Amino acid sequence: MSSIPRPGFHRNLLWLVLAAALGLPLLFNVRQAVAQRPTPSDDEVNAVAHQLYCPVCENIPLDVCPTQACAQWRDLIRQKLADGWSEQQIKDYFVVQYGDRVLAEPPRRGLNWVVYVLPPLIILGGGILIFFVLRRMRAGRPASAAMKARQDLSLPPEEEEYVRRLEEELRNRER
């Protein structure tokens, strides 16, 4: 047989090359650089970094930590924000890498609920205790102090008259 191409072969070859050129990037999920996202600002990076603690230093938020490692982690946050990651995805990434201790706010699961429940219960219990103590003190104070002093002491009649007048003046001043 001959090596003469069939009619329309060149046209079909052209369509095949065109389809491959257009479909290949989609096949390999290659991103086209039509419009790049703007670089996230320092405020956007620090808003996420403020919610994370430095995995190396103890109790220092990532946004104010002066170490070189933290600067690199802030750059990583900037890169992930530029790639379209959400704040929650970035926090989840850091938790996977370094554990729950990097979160500024502990996750609300397991024994961590104690952190959220216990302080309000202590404050409420303290308020109730103070209320009842003050109520008891207020109800028993005027009569109890004078009566106990009178009952405990056996005074001569002239001193009893003095104590009676003194108590009467004190009651008048309280009104």
Protein backbone atom coordinates (compact mmCIF):
# COMPACT_ATOMS: atom_id res chain seq x y z
CA MET A 1 0.00 0.00 0.00
CA SER A 2 0.94 3.54 -0.43
CA SER A 3 1.84 6.11 2.19
CA ILE A 4 -0.47 8.74 0.78
CA PRO A 5 -2.60 10.30 3.54
CA ARG A 6 -6.33 9.99 3.18
CA PRO A 7 -8.33 13.10 2.39
CA GLY A 8 -9.10 15.19 5.50
CA PHE A 9 -6.25 13.62 7.48
CA HIS A 10 -4.49 16.95 8.01
CA ARG A 11 -7.71 18.57 9.16
CA ASN A 12 -8.37 15.75 11.66
CA LEU A 13 -4.78 15.97 12.88
CA LEU A 14 -5.17 19.72 13.40
CA TRP A 15 -8.36 19.14 15.47
CA LEU A 16 -6.60 16.50 17.53
CA VAL A 17 -3.64 18.78 18.30
CA LEU A 18 -6.02 21.66 19.18
CA ALA A 19 -8.09 19.45 21.50
CA ALA A 20 -4.94 18.15 23.20
CA ALA A 21 -3.62 21.69 23.69
CA LEU A 22 -6.88 22.85 25.27
CA GLY A 23 -7.67 19.69 27.24
CA LEU A 24 -4.23 18.82 28.58
CA PRO A 25 -4.13 21.57 31.24
CA LEU A 26 -7.59 20.55 32.42
CA LEU A 27 -6.53 16.92 32.51
CA PHE A 28 -3.56 17.65 34.81
CA ASN A 29 -5.37 20.41 36.76
CA VAL A 30 -2.84 23.05 35.77
CA ARG A 31 -3.87 26.49 36.95
CA GLN A 32 -3.85 29.24 34.40
CA ALA A 33 -2.42 32.54 35.54
CA VAL A 34 -5.32 34.65 34.35
CA ALA A 35 -5.48 36.82 37.45
CA GLN A 36 -3.50 36.24 40.60
CA ARG A 37 -5.00 36.91 43.97
CA PRO A 38 -3.59 39.88 45.83
CA THR A 39 -1.05 39.13 48.53
CA PRO A 40 -2.78 39.04 51.94
CA SER A 41 -2.03 42.05 54.12
CA ASP A 42 -0.23 41.88 57.46
CA ASP A 43 -3.56 42.51 59.20
CA GLU A 44 -5.13 39.48 57.51
CA VAL A 45 -2.14 37.31 58.41
CA ASN A 46 -2.09 38.58 62.02
CA ALA A 47 -5.83 37.99 62.38
CA VAL A 48 -5.15 34.28 61.84
CA ALA A 49 -1.81 34.25 63.68
CA HIS A 50 -3.44 35.86 66.75
CA GLN A 51 -5.64 32.76 67.09
CA LEU A 52 -2.57 30.51 67.24
CA TYR A 53 0.22 30.17 69.80
CA CYS A 54 3.85 29.65 68.93
CA PRO A 55 4.57 25.90 68.91
CA VAL A 56 8.13 26.55 70.15
CA CYS A 57 7.67 29.33 72.73
CA GLU A 58 5.24 28.91 75.62
CA ASN A 59 2.16 31.15 75.87
CA ILE A 60 3.15 33.62 73.15
CA PRO A 61 0.68 34.32 70.34
CA LEU A 62 2.10 33.66 66.90
CA ASP A 63 1.41 37.22 65.73
CA VAL A 64 3.78 38.81 68.31
CA CYS A 65 6.42 36.11 68.71
CA PRO A 66 9.82 37.48 67.63
CA THR A 67 11.49 34.16 66.72
CA GLN A 68 12.57 33.31 63.19
CA ALA A 69 10.39 30.18 63.28
CA CYS A 70 7.29 32.28 63.95
CA ALA A 71 8.18 34.63 61.10
CA GLN A 72 8.33 31.57 58.83
CA TRP A 73 4.96 30.35 60.15
CA ARG A 74 3.43 33.78 59.47
CA ASP A 75 4.82 33.57 55.92
CA LEU A 76 3.23 30.12 55.64
CA ILE A 77 -0.10 31.60 56.77
CA ARG A 78 0.27 34.36 54.16
CA GLN A 79 0.96 31.77 51.46
CA LYS A 80 -2.02 29.63 52.46
CA LEU A 81 -4.32 32.68 52.53
CA ALA A 82 -3.06 33.59 49.05
CA ASP A 83 -3.84 30.03 47.94
CA GLY A 84 -7.43 30.51 49.10
CA TRP A 85 -7.35 28.63 52.40
CA SER A 86 -9.86 29.73 55.05
CA GLU A 87 -8.88 30.63 58.62
CA GLN A 88 -10.34 27.35 59.88
CA GLN A 89 -8.37 25.32 57.33
CA ILE A 90 -5.15 27.04 58.40
CA LYS A 91 -5.89 26.44 62.09
CA ASP A 92 -6.67 22.79 61.32
CA TYR A 93 -3.36 22.50 59.47
CA PHE A 94 -1.44 23.81 62.50
CA VAL A 95 -3.37 21.50 64.84
CA VAL A 96 -2.44 18.50 62.69
CA GLN A 97 1.21 19.59 62.69
CA TYR A 98 1.62 20.65 66.36
CA GLY A 99 -1.44 19.52 68.31
CA ASP A 100 -4.24 21.38 70.12
CA ARG A 101 -1.76 23.38 72.20
CA VAL A 102 -1.23 25.82 69.31
CA LEU A 103 -4.83 27.05 69.50
CA ALA A 104 -5.50 30.22 71.49
CA GLU A 105 -8.96 28.88 72.32
CA PRO A 106 -9.04 25.20 73.30
CA PRO A 107 -11.43 23.07 71.27
CA ARG A 108 -14.75 22.43 72.99
CA ARG A 109 -14.50 18.69 73.38
CA GLY A 110 -13.48 16.22 76.06
CA LEU A 111 -12.19 17.67 79.32
CA ASN A 112 -11.72 21.07 77.69
CA TRP A 113 -15.40 21.77 78.47
CA VAL A 114 -14.31 22.25 82.09
CA VAL A 115 -12.51 25.44 81.02
CA TYR A 116 -15.79 26.85 79.70
CA VAL A 117 -18.18 25.57 82.39
CA LEU A 118 -16.24 25.78 85.66
CA PRO A 119 -15.47 29.55 85.88
CA PRO A 120 -19.11 30.67 85.45
CA LEU A 121 -20.22 28.07 88.01
CA ILE A 122 -17.61 29.31 90.51
CA ILE A 123 -18.69 32.92 89.99
CA LEU A 124 -22.35 32.02 90.36
CA GLY A 125 -21.71 29.95 93.50
CA GLY A 126 -19.60 32.73 95.02
CA GLY A 127 -22.33 35.29 94.33
CA ILE A 128 -24.97 33.11 95.99
CA LEU A 129 -22.69 32.51 99.00
CA ILE A 130 -22.01 36.24 99.41
CA PHE A 131 -25.73 37.00 99.14
CA PHE A 132 -26.66 34.59 101.95
CA VAL A 133 -23.77 35.63 104.20
CA LEU A 134 -24.63 39.33 103.84
CA ARG A 135 -28.30 38.60 104.39
CA ARG A 136 -27.58 36.67 107.58
CA MET A 137 -25.19 39.36 108.85
CA ARG A 138 -27.66 42.12 108.13
CA ALA A 139 -30.57 40.36 109.80
CA GLY A 140 -28.70 39.41 112.98
CA ARG A 141 -26.34 42.35 113.51
CA PRO A 142 -28.21 45.10 115.48
CA ALA A 143 -29.81 43.03 118.19
CA SER A 144 -27.21 40.33 118.55
CA ALA A 145 -24.19 42.51 119.37
CA ALA A 146 -25.90 44.59 122.05
CA MET A 147 -27.84 41.68 123.52
CA LYS A 148 -24.80 39.45 123.76
CA ALA A 149 -22.81 42.19 125.44
CA ARG A 150 -25.61 42.77 127.91
CA GLN A 151 -26.13 39.11 128.67
CA ASP A 152 -22.46 38.36 129.05
CA LEU A 153 -21.84 41.19 131.52
CA SER A 154 -23.45 41.56 134.86
CA LEU A 155 -23.32 45.32 135.33
CA PRO A 156 -24.14 47.32 138.42
CA PRO A 157 -27.42 49.28 138.11
CA GLU A 158 -25.75 52.68 137.46
CA GLU A 159 -23.72 51.25 134.56
CA GLU A 160 -26.80 49.51 133.15
CA GLU A 161 -28.51 52.89 132.91
CA TYR A 162 -25.46 54.23 131.06
CA VAL A 163 -25.46 51.29 128.60
CA ARG A 164 -29.20 51.69 128.00
CA ARG A 165 -28.81 55.40 127.13
CA LEU A 166 -25.81 54.64 124.93
CA GLU A 167 -27.76 51.99 122.98
CA GLU A 168 -30.69 54.37 122.60
CA GLU A 169 -28.43 57.09 121.15
CA LEU A 170 -26.87 54.62 118.75
CA ARG A 171 -30.27 53.49 117.52
CA ASN A 172 -31.28 57.13 116.96
CA ARG A 173 -28.15 57.79 114.91
CA GLU A 174 -28.77 54.75 112.67
CA ARG A 175 -32.18 56.10 111.65
